[in-house]
Amino acid sequence: MSDRFLTDDELAEATGSPQKSLQKEVLSMNGIFFIERRDGVIKTTWYHINHPIRIDASAGNQPTQGMNFDAIER
């Protein structure tokens, strides 16, 4: 089950919204990796739902799209 894509209904249930823009916002705010297909459909897997990217909430950091090159240790 962990590598299976969420259905549209499961994604709406997980994010609390059927609206794609709100789904992206909820997934991003919770550090959950997703892709947006060319047709605007949001896709993620159960693995990414169950293993979100670690977020340092104590520092007030919010995840942003793209690479954070400042986070690379020198």
PDB file of N, CA and C in Angstrom:
ATOM      1  N   MET A   1       0.823  -1.199   0.000  1.00  0.00           N
ATOM      2  CA  MET A   1       0.000   0.000   0.000  1.00  0.00           C
ATOM      3  C   MET A   1       0.858   1.250   0.000  1.00  0.00           C
ATOM      4  N   SER A   2       2.082   1.211   0.513  1.00  0.00           N
ATOM      5  CA  SER A   2       2.855   2.432   0.706  1.00  0.00           C
ATOM      6  C   SER A   2       3.302   3.087  -0.594  1.00  0.00           C
ATOM      7  N   ASP A   3       3.431   2.318  -1.681  1.00  0.00           N
ATOM      8  CA  ASP A   3       3.892   2.933  -2.924  1.00  0.00           C
ATOM      9  C   ASP A   3       2.754   3.231  -3.893  1.00  0.00           C
ATOM     10  N   ARG A   4       1.533   3.052  -3.452  1.00  0.00           N
ATOM     11  CA  ARG A   4       0.367   3.288  -4.290  1.00  0.00           C
ATOM     12  C   ARG A   4      -0.022   4.773  -4.257  1.00  0.00           C
ATOM     13  N   PHE A   5      -0.399   5.298  -5.416  1.00  0.00           N
ATOM     14  CA  PHE A   5      -0.886   6.673  -5.470  1.00  0.00           C
ATOM     15  C   PHE A   5      -2.227   6.786  -4.759  1.00  0.00           C
ATOM     16  N   LEU A   6      -2.461   7.931  -4.107  1.00  0.00           N
ATOM     17  CA  LEU A   6      -3.766   8.187  -3.518  1.00  0.00           C
ATOM     18  C   LEU A   6      -4.763   8.449  -4.631  1.00  0.00           C
ATOM     19  N   THR A   7      -5.980   7.977  -4.447  1.00  0.00           N
ATOM     20  CA  THR A   7      -7.045   8.297  -5.393  1.00  0.00           C
ATOM     21  C   THR A   7      -7.450   9.752  -5.166  1.00  0.00           C
ATOM     22  N   ASP A   8      -8.235  10.298  -6.070  1.00  0.00           N
ATOM     23  CA  ASP A   8      -8.712  11.678  -5.900  1.00  0.00           C
ATOM     24  C   ASP A   8      -9.505  11.824  -4.601  1.00  0.00           C
ATOM     25  N   ASP A   9     -10.331  10.829  -4.286  1.00  0.00           N
ATOM     26  CA  ASP A   9     -11.116  10.876  -3.049  1.00  0.00           C
ATOM     27  C   ASP A   9     -10.222  10.796  -1.819  1.00  0.00           C
ATOM     28  N   GLU A  10      -9.192   9.941  -1.854  1.00  0.00           N
ATOM     29  CA  GLU A  10      -8.274   9.818  -0.728  1.00  0.00           C
ATOM     30  C   GLU A  10      -7.478  11.098  -0.526  1.00  0.00           C
ATOM     31  N   LEU A  11      -7.066  11.728  -1.619  1.00  0.00           N
ATOM     32  CA  LEU A  11      -6.325  12.980  -1.526  1.00  0.00           C
ATOM     33  C   LEU A  11      -7.203  14.088  -0.950  1.00  0.00           C
ATOM     34  N   ALA A  12      -8.457  14.128  -1.385  1.00  0.00           N
ATOM     35  CA  ALA A  12      -9.392  15.117  -0.842  1.00  0.00           C
ATOM     36  C   ALA A  12      -9.632  14.873   0.642  1.00  0.00           C
ATOM     37  N   GLU A  13      -9.737  13.619   1.051  1.00  0.00           N
ATOM     38  CA  GLU A  13      -9.930  13.286   2.461  1.00  0.00           C
ATOM     39  C   GLU A  13      -8.692  13.650   3.279  1.00  0.00           C
ATOM     40  N   ALA A  14      -7.521  13.342   2.763  1.00  0.00           N
ATOM     41  CA  ALA A  14      -6.278  13.614   3.487  1.00  0.00           C
ATOM     42  C   ALA A  14      -6.023  15.108   3.661  1.00  0.00           C
ATOM     43  N   THR A  15      -6.375  15.905   2.649  1.00  0.00           N
ATOM     44  CA  THR A  15      -6.106  17.339   2.700  1.00  0.00           C
ATOM     45  C   THR A  15      -7.291  18.151   3.208  1.00  0.00           C
ATOM     46  N   GLY A  16      -8.466  17.549   3.208  1.00  0.00           N
ATOM     47  CA  GLY A  16      -9.655  18.257   3.662  1.00  0.00           C
ATOM     48  C   GLY A  16     -10.282  19.124   2.595  1.00  0.00           C
ATOM     49  N   SER A  17      -9.845  18.957   1.341  1.00  0.00           N
ATOM     50  CA  SER A  17     -10.392  19.791   0.275  1.00  0.00           C
ATOM     51  C   SER A  17     -10.292  19.082  -1.073  1.00  0.00           C
ATOM     52  N   PRO A  18     -11.340  19.215  -1.900  1.00  0.00           N
ATOM     53  CA  PRO A  18     -11.254  18.693  -3.263  1.00  0.00           C
ATOM     54  C   PRO A  18     -10.591  19.692  -4.218  1.00  0.00           C
ATOM     55  N   GLN A  19     -10.355  20.914  -3.738  1.00  0.00           N
ATOM     56  CA  GLN A  19      -9.785  21.970  -4.570  1.00  0.00           C
ATOM     57  C   GLN A  19      -8.276  21.801  -4.677  1.00  0.00           C
ATOM     58  N   LYS A  20      -7.761  21.729  -5.906  1.00  0.00           N
ATOM     59  CA  LYS A  20      -6.353  21.430  -6.153  1.00  0.00           C
ATOM     60  C   LYS A  20      -5.410  22.441  -5.507  1.00  0.00           C
ATOM     61  N   SER A  21      -5.720  23.719  -5.560  1.00  0.00           N
ATOM     62  CA  SER A  21      -4.824  24.723  -4.981  1.00  0.00           C
ATOM     63  C   SER A  21      -4.726  24.562  -3.462  1.00  0.00           C
ATOM     64  N   LEU A  22      -5.818  24.211  -2.809  1.00  0.00           N
ATOM     65  CA  LEU A  22      -5.772  23.994  -1.368  1.00  0.00           C
ATOM     66  C   LEU A  22      -5.062  22.690  -1.029  1.00  0.00           C
ATOM     67  N   GLN A  23      -5.201  21.677  -1.870  1.00  0.00           N
ATOM     68  CA  GLN A  23      -4.479  20.428  -1.663  1.00  0.00           C
ATOM     69  C   GLN A  23      -2.971  20.676  -1.695  1.00  0.00           C
ATOM     70  N   LYS A  24      -2.521  21.446  -2.687  1.00  0.00           N
ATOM     71  CA  LYS A  24      -1.095  21.772  -2.783  1.00  0.00           C
ATOM     72  C   LYS A  24      -0.630  22.518  -1.546  1.00  0.00           C
ATOM     73  N   GLU A  25      -1.432  23.451  -1.070  1.00  0.00           N
ATOM     74  CA  GLU A  25      -1.063  24.235   0.102  1.00  0.00           C
ATOM     75  C   GLU A  25      -0.947  23.344   1.341  1.00  0.00           C
ATOM     76  N   VAL A  26      -1.925  22.464   1.554  1.00  0.00           N
ATOM     77  CA  VAL A  26      -1.899  21.581   2.721  1.00  0.00           C
ATOM     78  C   VAL A  26      -0.722  20.626   2.647  1.00  0.00           C
ATOM     79  N   LEU A  27      -0.481  20.033   1.492  1.00  0.00           N
ATOM     80  CA  LEU A  27       0.635  19.110   1.344  1.00  0.00           C
ATOM     81  C   LEU A  27       1.963  19.822   1.585  1.00  0.00           C
ATOM     82  N   SER A  28       2.129  21.010   1.018  1.00  0.00           N
ATOM     83  CA  SER A  28       3.371  21.775   1.200  1.00  0.00           C
ATOM     84  C   SER A  28       3.587  22.159   2.658  1.00  0.00           C
ATOM     85  N   MET A  29       2.541  22.630   3.313  1.00  0.00           N
ATOM     86  CA  MET A  29       2.661  23.060   4.709  1.00  0.00           C
ATOM     87  C   MET A  29       3.001  21.896   5.640  1.00  0.00           C
ATOM     88  N   ASN A  30       2.676  20.683   5.217  1.00  0.00           N
ATOM     89  CA  ASN A  30       2.943  19.515   6.047  1.00  0.00           C
ATOM     90  C   ASN A  30       4.159  18.729   5.589  1.00  0.00           C
ATOM     91  N   GLY A  31       4.912  19.278   4.643  1.00  0.00           N
ATOM     92  CA  GLY A  31       6.143  18.648   4.199  1.00  0.00           C
ATOM     93  C   GLY A  31       5.943  17.361   3.423  1.00  0.00           C
ATOM     94  N   ILE A  32       4.809  17.237   2.743  1.00  0.00           N
ATOM     95  CA  ILE A  32       4.504  16.025   1.991  1.00  0.00           C
ATOM     96  C   ILE A  32       4.832  16.253   0.520  1.00  0.00           C
ATOM     97  N   PHE A  33       5.729  15.419  -0.009  1.00  0.00           N
ATOM     98  CA  PHE A  33       6.129  15.519  -1.403  1.00  0.00           C
ATOM     99  C   PHE A  33       4.960  15.165  -2.318  1.00  0.00           C
ATOM    100  N   PHE A  34       4.806  15.941  -3.383  1.00  0.00           N
ATOM    101  CA  PHE A  34       3.776  15.660  -4.380  1.00  0.00           C
ATOM    102  C   PHE A  34       4.258  16.168  -5.721  1.00  0.00           C
ATOM    103  N   ILE A  35       3.591  15.731  -6.766  1.00  0.00           N
ATOM    104  CA  ILE A  35       3.842  16.280  -8.090  1.00  0.00           C
ATOM    105  C   ILE A  35       2.534  16.837  -8.622  1.00  0.00           C
ATOM    106  N   GLU A  36       2.655  17.822  -9.478  1.00  0.00           N
ATOM    107  CA  GLU A  36       1.491  18.352 -10.181  1.00  0.00           C
ATOM    108  C   GLU A  36       1.669  18.000 -11.649  1.00  0.00           C
ATOM    109  N   ARG A  37       0.754  17.197 -12.153  1.00  0.00           N
ATOM    110  CA  ARG A  37       0.844  16.790 -13.546  1.00  0.00           C
ATOM    111  C   ARG A  37       0.513  17.960 -14.457  1.00  0.00           C
ATOM    112  N   ARG A  38       0.796  17.793 -15.746  1.00  0.00           N
ATOM    113  CA  ARG A  38       0.540  18.864 -16.721  1.00  0.00           C
ATOM    114  C   ARG A  38      -0.929  19.252 -16.780  1.00  0.00           C
ATOM    115  N   ASP A  39      -1.809  18.294 -16.466  1.00  0.00           N
ATOM    116  CA  ASP A  39      -3.238  18.593 -16.485  1.00  0.00           C
ATOM    117  C   ASP A  39      -3.741  19.177 -15.163  1.00  0.00           C
ATOM    118  N   GLY A  40      -2.815  19.467 -14.228  1.00  0.00           N
ATOM    119  CA  GLY A  40      -3.166  20.105 -12.967  1.00  0.00           C
ATOM    120  C   GLY A  40      -3.520  19.144 -11.856  1.00  0.00           C
ATOM    121  N   VAL A  41      -3.532  17.849 -12.127  1.00  0.00           N
ATOM    122  CA  VAL A  41      -3.862  16.851 -11.115  1.00  0.00           C
ATOM    123  C   VAL A  41      -2.687  16.690 -10.157  1.00  0.00           C
ATOM    124  N   ILE A  42      -2.989  16.641  -8.857  1.00  0.00           N
ATOM    125  CA  ILE A  42      -1.989  16.479  -7.813  1.00  0.00           C
ATOM    126  C   ILE A  42      -1.849  14.988  -7.519  1.00  0.00           C
ATOM    127  N   LYS A  43      -0.606  14.503  -7.454  1.00  0.00           N
ATOM    128  CA  LYS A  43      -0.351  13.096  -7.164  1.00  0.00           C
ATOM    129  C   LYS A  43       0.681  12.964  -6.055  1.00  0.00           C
ATOM    130  N   THR A  44       0.419  12.056  -5.130  1.00  0.00           N
ATOM    131  CA  THR A  44       1.365  11.672  -4.096  1.00  0.00           C
ATOM    132  C   THR A  44       1.089  10.227  -3.725  1.00  0.00           C
ATOM    133  N   THR A  45       2.016   9.618  -3.021  1.00  0.00           N
ATOM    134  CA  THR A  45       1.842   8.222  -2.638  1.00  0.00           C
ATOM    135  C   THR A  45       1.604   8.115  -1.140  1.00  0.00           C
ATOM    136  N   TRP A  46       1.162   6.933  -0.726  1.00  0.00           N
ATOM    137  CA  TRP A  46       0.982   6.695   0.697  1.00  0.00           C
ATOM    138  C   TRP A  46       2.311   6.769   1.429  1.00  0.00           C
ATOM    139  N   TYR A  47       3.382   6.386   0.761  1.00  0.00           N
ATOM    140  CA  TYR A  47       4.694   6.486   1.390  1.00  0.00           C
ATOM    141  C   TYR A  47       4.976   7.941   1.787  1.00  0.00           C
ATOM    142  N   HIS A  48       4.706   8.875   0.885  1.00  0.00           N
ATOM    143  CA  HIS A  48       4.987  10.284   1.176  1.00  0.00           C
ATOM    144  C   HIS A  48       4.047  10.844   2.242  1.00  0.00           C
ATOM    145  N   ILE A  49       2.827  10.337   2.299  1.00  0.00           N
ATOM    146  CA  ILE A  49       1.904  10.753   3.361  1.00  0.00           C
ATOM    147  C   ILE A  49       2.436  10.274   4.712  1.00  0.00           C
ATOM    148  N   ASN A  50       2.919   9.033   4.744  1.00  0.00           N
ATOM    149  CA  ASN A  50       3.385   8.440   5.998  1.00  0.00           C
ATOM    150  C   ASN A  50       4.809   8.830   6.372  1.00  0.00           C
ATOM    151  N   HIS A  51       5.563   9.404   5.434  1.00  0.00           N
ATOM    152  CA  HIS A  51       6.949   9.802   5.695  1.00  0.00           C
ATOM    153  C   HIS A  51       7.193  11.218   5.174  1.00  0.00           C
ATOM    154  N   PRO A  52       6.583  12.217   5.822  1.00  0.00           N
ATOM    155  CA  PRO A  52       6.776  13.594   5.344  1.00  0.00           C
ATOM    156  C   PRO A  52       8.213  14.054   5.558  1.00  0.00           C
ATOM    157  N   ILE A  53       8.575  15.093   4.821  1.00  0.00           N
ATOM    158  CA  ILE A  53       9.886  15.713   4.980  1.00  0.00           C
ATOM    159  C   ILE A  53       9.921  16.350   6.365  1.00  0.00           C
ATOM    160  N   ARG A  54      11.042  16.204   7.048  1.00  0.00           N
ATOM    161  CA  ARG A  54      11.156  16.758   8.401  1.00  0.00           C
ATOM    162  C   ARG A  54      11.090  18.287   8.343  1.00  0.00           C
ATOM    163  N   ILE A  55      10.229  18.857   9.172  1.00  0.00           N
ATOM    164  CA  ILE A  55      10.056  20.303   9.242  1.00  0.00           C
ATOM    165  C   ILE A  55      10.470  20.764  10.637  1.00  0.00           C
ATOM    166  N   ASP A  56      11.313  21.784  10.703  1.00  0.00           N
ATOM    167  CA  ASP A  56      11.726  22.351  11.982  1.00  0.00           C
ATOM    168  C   ASP A  56      10.748  23.452  12.363  1.00  0.00           C
ATOM    169  N   ALA A  57       9.644  23.055  12.994  1.00  0.00           N
ATOM    170  CA  ALA A  57       8.598  24.011  13.350  1.00  0.00           C
ATOM    171  C   ALA A  57       9.063  24.999  14.407  1.00  0.00           C
ATOM    172  N   SER A  58      10.019  24.611  15.242  1.00  0.00           N
ATOM    173  CA  SER A  58      10.480  25.493  16.311  1.00  0.00           C
ATOM    174  C   SER A  58      11.170  26.731  15.750  1.00  0.00           C
ATOM    175  N   ALA A  59      11.757  26.619  14.574  1.00  0.00           N
ATOM    176  CA  ALA A  59      12.445  27.758  13.967  1.00  0.00           C
ATOM    177  C   ALA A  59      11.505  28.603  13.129  1.00  0.00           C
ATOM    178  N   GLY A  60      10.251  28.164  12.994  1.00  0.00           N
ATOM    179  CA  GLY A  60       9.288  28.918  12.211  1.00  0.00           C
ATOM    180  C   GLY A  60       9.484  28.773  10.722  1.00  0.00           C
ATOM    181  N   ASN A  61      10.255  27.781  10.300  1.00  0.00           N
ATOM    182  CA  ASN A  61      10.497  27.570   8.877  1.00  0.00           C
ATOM    183  C   ASN A  61       9.318  26.870   8.231  1.00  0.00           C
ATOM    184  N   GLN A  62       8.922  27.343   7.092  1.00  0.00           N
ATOM    185  CA  GLN A  62       7.879  26.701   6.313  1.00  0.00           C
ATOM    186  C   GLN A  62       8.512  26.161   5.049  1.00  0.00           C
ATOM    187  N   PRO A  63       8.083  24.985   4.602  1.00  0.00           N
ATOM    188  CA  PRO A  63       8.673  24.438   3.373  1.00  0.00           C
ATOM    189  C   PRO A  63       8.335  25.298   2.168  1.00  0.00           C
ATOM    190  N   THR A  64       9.274  25.392   1.256  1.00  0.00           N
ATOM    191  CA  THR A  64       9.045  26.124   0.023  1.00  0.00           C
ATOM    192  C   THR A  64       9.298  25.189  -1.145  1.00  0.00           C
ATOM    193  N   GLN A  65       8.731  25.517  -2.277  1.00  0.00           N
ATOM    194  CA  GLN A  65       8.935  24.683  -3.442  1.00  0.00           C
ATOM    195  C   GLN A  65      10.340  24.882  -3.985  1.00  0.00           C
ATOM    196  N   GLY A  66      10.879  23.827  -4.559  1.00  0.00           N
ATOM    197  CA  GLY A  66      12.197  23.905  -5.168  1.00  0.00           C
ATOM    198  C   GLY A  66      13.287  23.520  -4.187  1.00  0.00           C
ATOM    199  N   MET A  67      14.503  23.612  -4.644  1.00  0.00           N
ATOM    200  CA  MET A  67      15.654  23.240  -3.839  1.00  0.00           C
ATOM    201  C   MET A  67      16.059  24.379  -2.908  1.00  0.00           C
ATOM    202  N   ASN A  68      16.451  24.021  -1.707  1.00  0.00           N
ATOM    203  CA  ASN A  68      16.966  24.990  -0.755  1.00  0.00           C
ATOM    204  C   ASN A  68      18.482  24.838  -0.719  1.00  0.00           C
ATOM    205  N   PHE A  69      19.180  25.536  -1.593  1.00  0.00           N
ATOM    206  CA  PHE A  69      20.612  25.410  -1.686  1.00  0.00           C
ATOM    207  C   PHE A  69      21.309  25.986  -0.461  1.00  0.00           C
ATOM    208  N   ASP A  70      20.644  26.848   0.297  1.00  0.00           N
ATOM    209  CA  ASP A  70      21.223  27.390   1.522  1.00  0.00           C
ATOM    210  C   ASP A  70      21.356  26.323   2.608  1.00  0.00           C
ATOM    211  N   ALA A  71      20.615  25.238   2.495  1.00  0.00           N
ATOM    212  CA  ALA A  71      20.646  24.186   3.498  1.00  0.00           C
ATOM    213  C   ALA A  71      21.812  23.224   3.312  1.00  0.00           C
ATOM    214  N   ILE A  72      22.513  23.333   2.218  1.00  0.00           N
ATOM    215  CA  ILE A  72      23.645  22.446   1.939  1.00  0.00           C
ATOM    216  C   ILE A  72      24.822  22.863   2.806  1.00  0.00           C
ATOM    217  N   GLU A  73      25.355  21.884   3.531  1.00  0.00           N
ATOM    218  CA  GLU A  73      26.504  22.170   4.402  1.00  0.00           C
ATOM    219  C   GLU A  73      27.756  22.310   3.553  1.00  0.00           C
ATOM    220  N   ARG A  74      28.591  23.230   3.939  1.00  0.00           N
ATOM    221  CA  ARG A  74      29.836  23.457   3.203  1.00  0.00           C
ATOM    222  C   ARG A  74      31.002  22.896   3.939  1.00  0.00           C
TER     223      ARG A  74
END
